[in-house]
């Protein structure tokens, strides 16, 4: 897609943007990269976007369109790279991280992203990509790895952090049953650290997550005495719900202090 219809100077600016930003970028980042005053840079980016040389993802956020893209309007940036730029600080987590780590084969059309920013609306669309957002405080930004997508560094929860997040809030894992299947896949992977998972649970501070893990691990026949005893020592008083998304109905498992309102996993 040659940059025809542009002045030689603007072609040079566009080339600099393509070379500098393989992923999404802000107006401020562009202004610094091309050595241009911010308001002038913003006008130029809008001009490039209206001509199809850039893709405007949202106000103040752009992405360079690859030269090999045949249809600039149909092309979209990598959702992970968009999230890391537009929704940071935060991390890719939940069902999206389960897929990345091979703990599920299920395909989701939205990207799960946990952010320390306020989340007035849980579902959001940016640049054609759909996101399901959850809020966590900055103190909860632990257990993360860094991967690269479209030249953009993206934080993602590691396997154990992903699972404890799903036990803390099963809807983040695609629901209780899907989260249980991911726990079973983890146990069968041959690369397991229940100690690290429980340490993350201690830091997260929701003891109902330990109740869910203990119950599910025994129901799925993946628990040993050491794991069960470790979890039993961490139980809080009161009765939690196996599936917080379902009504408070069903039998109580007194061993784990859980109301089994979601049915036993199969």
Protein backbone atom coordinates (compact mmCIF):
# COMPACT_ATOMS: atom_id res chain seq x y z
CA UNK A 1 0.00 0.00 0.00
CA UNK A 2 2.25 2.82 -1.23
CA UNK A 3 1.80 6.19 0.46
CA UNK A 4 0.63 8.00 -2.66
CA UNK A 5 -1.11 11.34 -2.33
CA UNK A 6 1.21 12.45 0.49
CA UNK A 7 3.92 15.06 0.46
CA UNK A 8 7.47 13.86 0.70
CA UNK A 9 7.68 15.16 4.27
CA UNK A 10 4.50 13.39 5.34
CA UNK A 11 5.63 10.18 3.67
CA UNK A 12 8.75 10.40 5.82
CA UNK A 13 6.68 10.94 8.97
CA UNK A 14 4.45 7.98 8.10
CA UNK A 15 7.52 5.81 7.49
CA UNK A 16 8.89 6.84 10.90
CA UNK A 17 5.60 5.89 12.57
CA UNK A 18 5.53 2.50 10.85
CA UNK A 19 9.13 1.85 11.85
CA UNK A 20 8.70 3.00 15.45
CA UNK A 21 5.28 1.59 16.30
CA UNK A 22 4.47 -1.96 15.17
CA UNK A 23 1.57 -1.83 17.64
CA UNK A 24 -0.88 0.79 18.95
CA UNK A 25 0.42 4.19 20.07
CA UNK A 26 -0.89 7.40 21.58
CA UNK A 27 -0.72 10.93 20.24
CA UNK A 28 1.86 11.81 22.92
CA UNK A 29 4.06 8.88 21.92
CA UNK A 30 3.81 9.82 18.24
CA UNK A 31 4.66 13.46 18.96
CA UNK A 32 7.79 12.43 20.84
CA UNK A 33 8.85 9.95 18.15
CA UNK A 34 8.57 12.38 15.26
CA UNK A 35 9.69 15.46 17.19
CA UNK A 36 6.51 17.43 16.63
CA UNK A 37 4.35 19.59 18.88
CA UNK A 38 1.47 17.54 20.29
CA UNK A 39 -1.48 19.46 18.81
CA UNK A 40 0.13 19.47 15.37
CA UNK A 41 0.90 15.77 15.70
CA UNK A 42 -2.75 15.08 16.60
CA UNK A 43 -3.94 16.88 13.47
CA UNK A 44 -1.52 14.96 11.29
CA UNK A 45 -2.56 11.61 12.77
CA UNK A 46 -6.21 12.41 12.11
CA UNK A 47 -5.28 13.26 8.53
CA UNK A 48 -3.41 9.98 8.10
CA UNK A 49 -6.34 8.06 9.58
CA UNK A 50 -8.91 9.73 7.34
CA UNK A 51 -6.78 8.78 4.32
CA UNK A 52 -6.43 5.16 5.47
CA UNK A 53 -2.72 5.27 6.35
CA UNK A 54 -3.46 4.79 10.05
CA UNK A 55 -6.29 3.14 11.95
CA UNK A 56 -7.94 5.19 14.70
CA UNK A 57 -8.75 2.77 17.52
CA UNK A 58 -10.30 5.32 19.85
CA UNK A 59 -9.76 8.96 20.69
CA UNK A 60 -6.04 9.59 20.95
CA UNK A 61 -5.06 6.01 20.11
CA UNK A 62 -3.86 4.86 16.67
CA UNK A 63 -2.23 1.92 14.96
CA UNK A 64 -0.16 1.77 11.82
CA UNK A 65 -1.77 -0.28 9.05
CA UNK A 66 0.64 -2.93 7.73
CA UNK A 67 1.76 -2.27 4.20
CA UNK A 68 0.54 -5.72 3.18
CA UNK A 69 -3.00 -5.01 4.35
CA UNK A 70 -5.32 -4.88 1.33
CA UNK A 71 -8.20 -3.23 3.18
CA UNK A 72 -7.27 -0.70 5.85
CA UNK A 73 -10.86 -0.46 7.10
CA UNK A 74 -11.14 -4.24 7.60
CA UNK A 75 -7.72 -4.58 9.23
CA UNK A 76 -7.58 -4.52 13.03
CA UNK A 77 -4.77 -4.39 15.55
CA UNK A 78 -4.01 -7.27 17.91
CA UNK A 79 -6.50 -7.10 20.85
CA UNK A 80 -3.79 -7.82 23.42
CA UNK A 81 -1.68 -4.94 22.10
CA UNK A 82 -4.71 -2.65 22.16
CA UNK A 83 -5.48 -3.57 25.77
CA UNK A 84 -1.88 -3.12 26.90
CA UNK A 85 -1.89 0.40 25.44
CA UNK A 86 -5.45 1.61 26.03
CA UNK A 87 -6.36 -0.14 29.29
CA UNK A 88 -3.07 -0.34 31.18
CA UNK A 89 -2.00 -0.77 33.87
CA UNK A 90 -3.34 -4.28 33.89
CA UNK A 91 -2.97 -7.74 32.43
CA UNK A 92 -4.55 -10.26 30.09
CA UNK A 93 -6.20 -12.84 32.32
CA UNK A 94 -9.16 -15.13 32.85
CA UNK A 95 -10.32 -17.24 29.95
CA UNK A 96 -7.90 -15.52 27.57
CA UNK A 97 -4.91 -16.48 29.72
CA UNK A 98 -6.30 -20.02 30.15
CA UNK A 99 -6.19 -20.37 26.37
CA UNK A 100 -2.69 -18.94 26.15
CA UNK A 101 -1.36 -21.44 28.71
CA UNK A 102 -3.12 -24.40 27.08
CA UNK A 103 -5.57 -24.93 29.95
CA UNK A 104 -8.63 -24.73 27.69
CA UNK A 105 -9.47 -25.40 24.07
CA UNK A 106 -12.56 -23.22 24.16
CA UNK A 107 -12.50 -20.12 21.97
CA UNK A 108 -13.89 -16.85 23.33
CA UNK A 109 -14.74 -13.87 21.14
CA UNK A 110 -13.78 -11.35 23.81
CA UNK A 111 -10.45 -10.70 25.52
CA UNK A 112 -10.48 -10.81 29.32
CA UNK A 113 -8.42 -7.97 30.78
CA UNK A 114 -7.86 -7.05 34.42
CA UNK A 115 -7.04 -3.39 35.02
CA UNK A 116 -6.37 -1.13 37.97
CA UNK A 117 -8.26 1.64 36.17
CA UNK A 118 -11.89 2.33 37.10
CA UNK A 119 -14.26 0.11 35.10
CA UNK A 120 -17.56 1.98 34.62
CA UNK A 121 -18.60 -0.52 31.96
CA UNK A 122 -17.41 -4.12 32.06
CA UNK A 123 -17.82 -4.68 28.34
CA UNK A 124 -16.01 -2.40 25.95
CA UNK A 125 -15.05 -2.30 22.28
CA UNK A 126 -11.89 -0.60 21.01
CA UNK A 127 -10.78 -0.66 17.41
CA UNK A 128 -13.18 -3.48 16.60
CA UNK A 129 -11.85 -5.68 19.44
CA UNK A 130 -14.16 -6.62 22.29
CA UNK A 131 -13.02 -6.73 25.91
CA UNK A 132 -14.45 -7.97 29.20
CA UNK A 133 -12.89 -5.85 31.93
CA UNK A 134 -12.40 -6.47 35.64
CA UNK A 135 -10.98 -4.10 38.22
CA UNK A 136 -8.23 -5.01 40.67
CA UNK A 137 -6.15 -2.60 42.78
CA UNK A 138 -2.53 -1.97 41.85
CA UNK A 139 -1.51 -4.14 44.84
CA UNK A 140 -3.07 -7.13 43.05
CA UNK A 141 -0.81 -6.80 39.99
CA UNK A 142 1.38 -9.81 40.82
CA UNK A 143 2.02 -13.24 39.33
CA UNK A 144 2.43 -11.80 35.85
CA UNK A 145 4.59 -12.56 32.83
CA UNK A 146 5.46 -10.40 29.84
CA UNK A 147 4.86 -11.45 26.25
CA UNK A 148 5.18 -9.50 23.01
CA UNK A 149 2.30 -8.92 20.60
CA UNK A 150 2.67 -6.70 17.51
CA UNK A 151 5.88 -5.36 19.00
CA UNK A 152 4.03 -4.34 22.18
CA UNK A 153 4.93 -5.69 25.64
CA UNK A 154 1.82 -7.21 27.21
CA UNK A 155 1.43 -8.45 30.78
CA UNK A 156 -0.44 -11.73 31.24
CA UNK A 157 -1.21 -13.67 34.42
CA UNK A 158 0.90 -16.80 34.78
CA UNK A 159 -0.83 -20.19 35.07
CA UNK A 160 -1.21 -20.20 38.85
CA UNK A 161 -2.35 -16.57 39.02
CA UNK A 162 -4.86 -17.23 36.25
CA UNK A 163 -6.34 -20.16 38.17
CA UNK A 164 -6.57 -18.35 41.50
CA UNK A 165 -8.29 -15.46 39.70
CA UNK A 166 -10.81 -17.95 38.30
CA UNK A 167 -11.36 -19.42 41.77
CA UNK A 168 -11.78 -15.93 43.22
CA UNK A 169 -14.29 -15.05 40.47
CA UNK A 170 -15.34 -18.06 38.37
CA UNK A 171 -17.03 -15.82 35.80
CA UNK A 172 -13.56 -14.58 34.84
CA UNK A 173 -12.75 -18.14 33.83
CA UNK A 174 -15.86 -18.45 31.70
CA UNK A 175 -17.98 -19.85 34.51
CA UNK A 176 -17.60 -22.36 37.33
CA UNK A 177 -17.64 -25.47 35.17
CA UNK A 178 -15.11 -24.09 32.69
CA UNK A 179 -12.85 -22.98 35.54
CA UNK A 180 -13.06 -26.48 37.03
CA UNK A 181 -12.05 -28.01 33.69
CA UNK A 182 -9.03 -25.67 33.59
CA UNK A 183 -7.99 -26.75 37.10
CA UNK A 184 -8.19 -30.39 36.02
CA UNK A 185 -6.12 -29.63 32.89
CA UNK A 186 -3.53 -27.93 35.10
CA UNK A 187 -3.36 -30.91 37.46
CA UNK A 188 -2.90 -33.28 34.52
CA UNK A 189 -0.23 -31.13 32.84
CA UNK A 190 2.63 -32.56 34.88
CA UNK A 191 3.91 -29.06 35.72
CA UNK A 192 2.07 -28.14 38.91
CA UNK A 193 2.82 -25.86 41.87
CA UNK A 194 -0.04 -25.93 44.34
CA UNK A 195 2.27 -24.08 46.74
CA UNK A 196 2.58 -21.11 44.38
CA UNK A 197 -1.15 -21.15 43.72
CA UNK A 198 -1.94 -21.02 47.45
CA UNK A 199 0.65 -18.28 47.97
CA UNK A 200 -1.13 -16.22 45.33
CA UNK A 201 -4.41 -16.96 47.07
CA UNK A 202 -2.99 -15.68 50.35
CA UNK A 203 -1.95 -12.45 48.65
CA UNK A 204 -5.31 -12.05 46.93
CA UNK A 205 -7.08 -12.49 50.27
CA UNK A 206 -10.33 -14.23 49.31
CA UNK A 207 -10.54 -17.39 51.41
CA UNK A 208 -13.62 -18.60 49.56
CA UNK A 209 -11.24 -19.27 46.66
CA UNK A 210 -9.55 -21.90 48.87
CA UNK A 211 -12.93 -23.46 49.63
CA UNK A 212 -13.69 -23.75 45.92
CA UNK A 213 -10.26 -25.19 45.14
CA UNK A 214 -10.48 -27.76 47.93
CA UNK A 215 -13.95 -28.90 46.97
CA UNK A 216 -13.17 -29.06 43.25
CA UNK A 217 -9.82 -30.79 43.73
CA UNK A 218 -11.46 -33.57 45.75
CA UNK A 219 -14.48 -33.83 43.44
CA UNK A 220 -12.14 -34.14 40.44
CA UNK A 221 -9.87 -36.63 42.27
CA UNK A 222 -6.79 -34.46 41.84
CA UNK A 223 -6.18 -33.61 45.51
CA UNK A 224 -3.69 -35.31 47.79
CA UNK A 225 -3.62 -35.10 51.59
CA UNK A 226 -0.99 -32.35 51.56
CA UNK A 227 -3.07 -30.08 49.32
CA UNK A 228 -6.30 -30.72 51.21
CA UNK A 229 -4.65 -30.05 54.58
CA UNK A 230 -3.03 -26.86 53.29
CA UNK A 231 -6.38 -25.57 52.05
CA UNK A 232 -8.33 -26.64 55.14
CA UNK A 233 -5.97 -24.53 57.27
CA UNK A 234 -6.95 -21.47 55.22
CA UNK A 235 -10.73 -21.72 55.46
CA UNK A 236 -12.75 -18.86 56.88
CA UNK A 237 -15.93 -19.12 58.94
CA UNK A 238 -19.29 -18.96 57.24
CA UNK A 239 -20.71 -20.60 54.14
CA UNK A 240 -19.59 -19.50 50.69
CA UNK A 241 -21.13 -20.30 47.33
CA UNK A 242 -19.49 -22.69 44.92
CA UNK A 243 -20.78 -20.58 42.04
CA UNK A 244 -21.30 -16.93 43.03
CA UNK A 245 -23.25 -16.32 39.81
CA UNK A 246 -26.07 -18.70 40.82
CA UNK A 247 -28.79 -18.42 43.48
CA UNK A 248 -28.06 -19.34 47.09
CA UNK A 249 -29.67 -22.76 46.79
CA UNK A 250 -28.43 -26.33 47.15
CA UNK A 251 -26.80 -28.60 49.73
CA UNK A 252 -24.00 -27.48 52.00
CA UNK A 253 -20.64 -29.25 52.04
CA UNK A 254 -19.64 -28.84 55.68
CA UNK A 255 -16.05 -29.98 55.07
CA UNK A 256 -15.37 -27.03 52.78
CA UNK A 257 -17.98 -24.59 54.04
CA UNK A 258 -19.59 -24.31 50.64
CA UNK A 259 -23.11 -24.29 49.34
CA UNK A 260 -22.98 -26.53 46.27
CA UNK A 261 -25.26 -24.40 44.16
CA UNK A 262 -23.52 -25.10 40.85
CA UNK A 263 -23.62 -28.86 40.78
CA UNK A 264 -20.62 -31.16 41.14
CA UNK A 265 -18.14 -31.02 38.22
CA UNK A 266 -18.09 -33.94 35.85
